[in-house]
Amino acid sequence: MSSPAGRQGPEGNNPEDDQYPGRTPPEYYDLPNEFEDEDEDEDMDYEPESERSEDIEYFDDAESHEGDEAIRQGLFDDDDDGGLSNIQIEFTMDDEHEHEGENQEGAQRGTRVTSAQILQILGASGLRRILQSHGLDHGLGDDDDDDEYGWHFGLGRRRRRRQVAPEDLYPKVPSDVGRELMMSGHYGNNPDYVDDLKKRKKRLATRLMWRELGIETGRAQRRTTQSIFQDLIPGSVADKIIHFDSRCYSGQFSDDGNFFFCCSQDFKVRMYDTSNIFDWKYYKTVDYPFGQWTITDASLSPDNKYLAYSSIRHLVCLAPTDPGDQSDPILLDFSRPRRRAGGFYGDSHFGIWSIRFSGDGREIVAGTSGGSVIVYDVERREPTLRLNNHKNDVNAVCFGDTSSPHILYSGSDDTTLRVWDRRSMGDGREAGAFLGHTEGLTYVDSKGDGRYVLSNGKDQTMKLWDLRKMMTTSKFDQIDPEAFTTGFDYRFMAYPEDYYEPHPHDCSVVTFRGHRVLKTLIRCHFSPPGSTNSRYVYTGSEDGKVYIYNLDATLAGTIDVGRATLNSRPRDADIYASAYELRGHNSDMLWKTCVRDASWHPSAPMVAATSWNGWGMSTGTCTMHSWNAGARKDEDSPPGQSYNSKLNPIPAFNRYAESGSNPYVRSRPVYREPEEWWDPMQDYDEAWG
């Protein structure tokens, strides 16, 4: 992912580049001469200013026009000490005639130029025209005053505002290819596909009745049961709100649904027993002993016995999940050198953004800030493979198939999703690549069938890919992927709609849009086969929602975490130091929610959303959202109740939420003043111990 300083991958002249054009040779490692503590600058969410901005600043045309206006006002004042209002310049110039001889004199004519015209030439727009006429302003098309800066001396480019509506450039919704996938049976059950008489959508009660009657048998009965599950989309009402005093970065259920873990910025991973999905139990907490900025990722072993988790360091912690085992985590060094001809190689000056266990639990794959993909053998305690072909940070990695460790996917800030086949790694290069994103990738997720993969991008799109349609290496070598990017910094600004242009080499199957991939590496997933029949894809979003899409790119539903948790905890003066967003005019903190990750339970209609959430996004929450048929209340405990990280109720938070206005509390009791004055922080201290 992009480093906090916007650092790009290492560049330089390598004598081996001619031998391996367009790729890094096998077994090649970049060994920098000097290393500062650059881990300080490796965060994707917040960090120092980009190095690009030290020398050159980007200005919008509005700012240029404001500057021109300021000059104009200052120079046209009719002060006695002399403005330019009465100055006129007259000069002569020769008229050229096309069809006259070279020795024939051109007629002379006088030209009067006013000071206003001079200022117009000296303004930003005029200077750009002058530079363009001398070939110094590359990347500009016409001379419109609305044009933005083009190439900035190799530091990136800003695209010219286009005249056509952006909607005309986005892929069609609904997607025809996505519709075919929905009808194919790979993504959910389609009862109308086999029985033309069932064109009318049945109500849930009708489906349950036919299932209980047992009239259908075999495949028909199985199809009816699956169609019931796949339509149960969780609602926005929060069953529980688990509060953390630091931002939450990721949270996932285990494959069997009996286990849930949540990573937060305080370098702790909390684990919960979710065998009863409506009655979670606190399980255990493990620490990253010397992390940098935050815990970036975590992955659970297939047998649920070990949890691997990373920070912006070269070390991965491996901790047992058994609550009775309080031993320190095992440190896995992903930079440990191995002997080779000519000496050792290795590099410990990188951070890890993403890790995943293989299907058999013997290996862990990692994506790093050095642009490399590393495969680590857990049993041998050493890295066995390192791939350096990416040109920028590798933000996300995963295995392509749960039953085989051979296929790897990696998504990078160089805008590419690359496919690696470990059975043919003799030349150290990828088996193919997917192009289509115009900005860096934030996450990749495999369906687990060795065929389909999903990615989220900073160009505000999520894309579905088919392994059979990947680009070959011969074609990929002829394309510069970074030629189609704007260098958009997703951490500090919204994505302008006129930045989007369709990628000319897009080989994705379906493109999903509507969510916002801003501020942090927001994640996306396939819905599980058990509880949804693999019917949907879903993603977090910077606007505080979980977006659930059908395969044809239409929106199936949203879970509004922001509204469900609004004002669910009181302000704390200590939180101001870690606030992410402040209101500009008076520095008041706003309640803001950014859903960074979400996990759909494998066997129940429930989604757990992990968010930056609170006043100024300085804290975090993990919220549980279940399907409730739109009911405002039910027989369970009151919804929207607040709990701490160990699942102890927090009365102060509940009272605060009840006294405020939260439209997404199903059955909020009427708040009355207590008979005795109560101190919210006293309840807070008691709840948190």
Foldseek 3Di string as FASTA:
>chain_A
DQWQQRDWFDDDDDPCCVVPPQFDFFPDDDDDPDDDQCLLGGAQFHDDYHPVVVVDDFDALVVLVVVLVVVVVVQCDPDPVHHQVPDKDKDKDFDDDDPDDPPDGGDIDMDIGGPVNVSVCVGPLNVLVVCVVVVNQPADDDSDSRATGQDDVPPFGDGGFDDDDLVVFDDDPLAPLLVVVLLPLLAFADVCSVPVVPPDDDDLVVLVVCLVVVPDDDPVSVNSVLVSLQLQAFAQAFQEKAWFLFAWFEKAAALQRQKIWTWGQVQKIWIWGCPPVNDIATQDIAGDPDAHRTWQEKEAANVRQWIWTFHFWQWIWIDGRHSVDPDHTDIQGAFDWDADPPGTDGDGSKGWREWYAALNRQWIWTWIQNQKIWIAGPVVSYTDGIARGGRGGFNEKDAQASVDRQWIWTWFQQQKIFIAGNVPCPRRDTQFIAHKDQGGWLYKEHPRPNFWIWTHGQLQKIFIAGPVQTGGPVVVSVDRSNVRHRSDSQNPDFDDSSSDHTDPRGRTSAMAHDAHCGSHRWYKYQAACASNVSQWIWTWHQQQKIWIAGSSRHTSDIHRNQLNCPQLADDDPVLLVQAQDADPPPRFWDWGKTFRYKYQRNHFNKIWTWIQTGGNSRIIITTITGRDPPALDDPDDFRSFYAYSSRFGQVLSLLRVLCDDRPSGSDRDHDDDDPDDDDSVVSVVVRVD
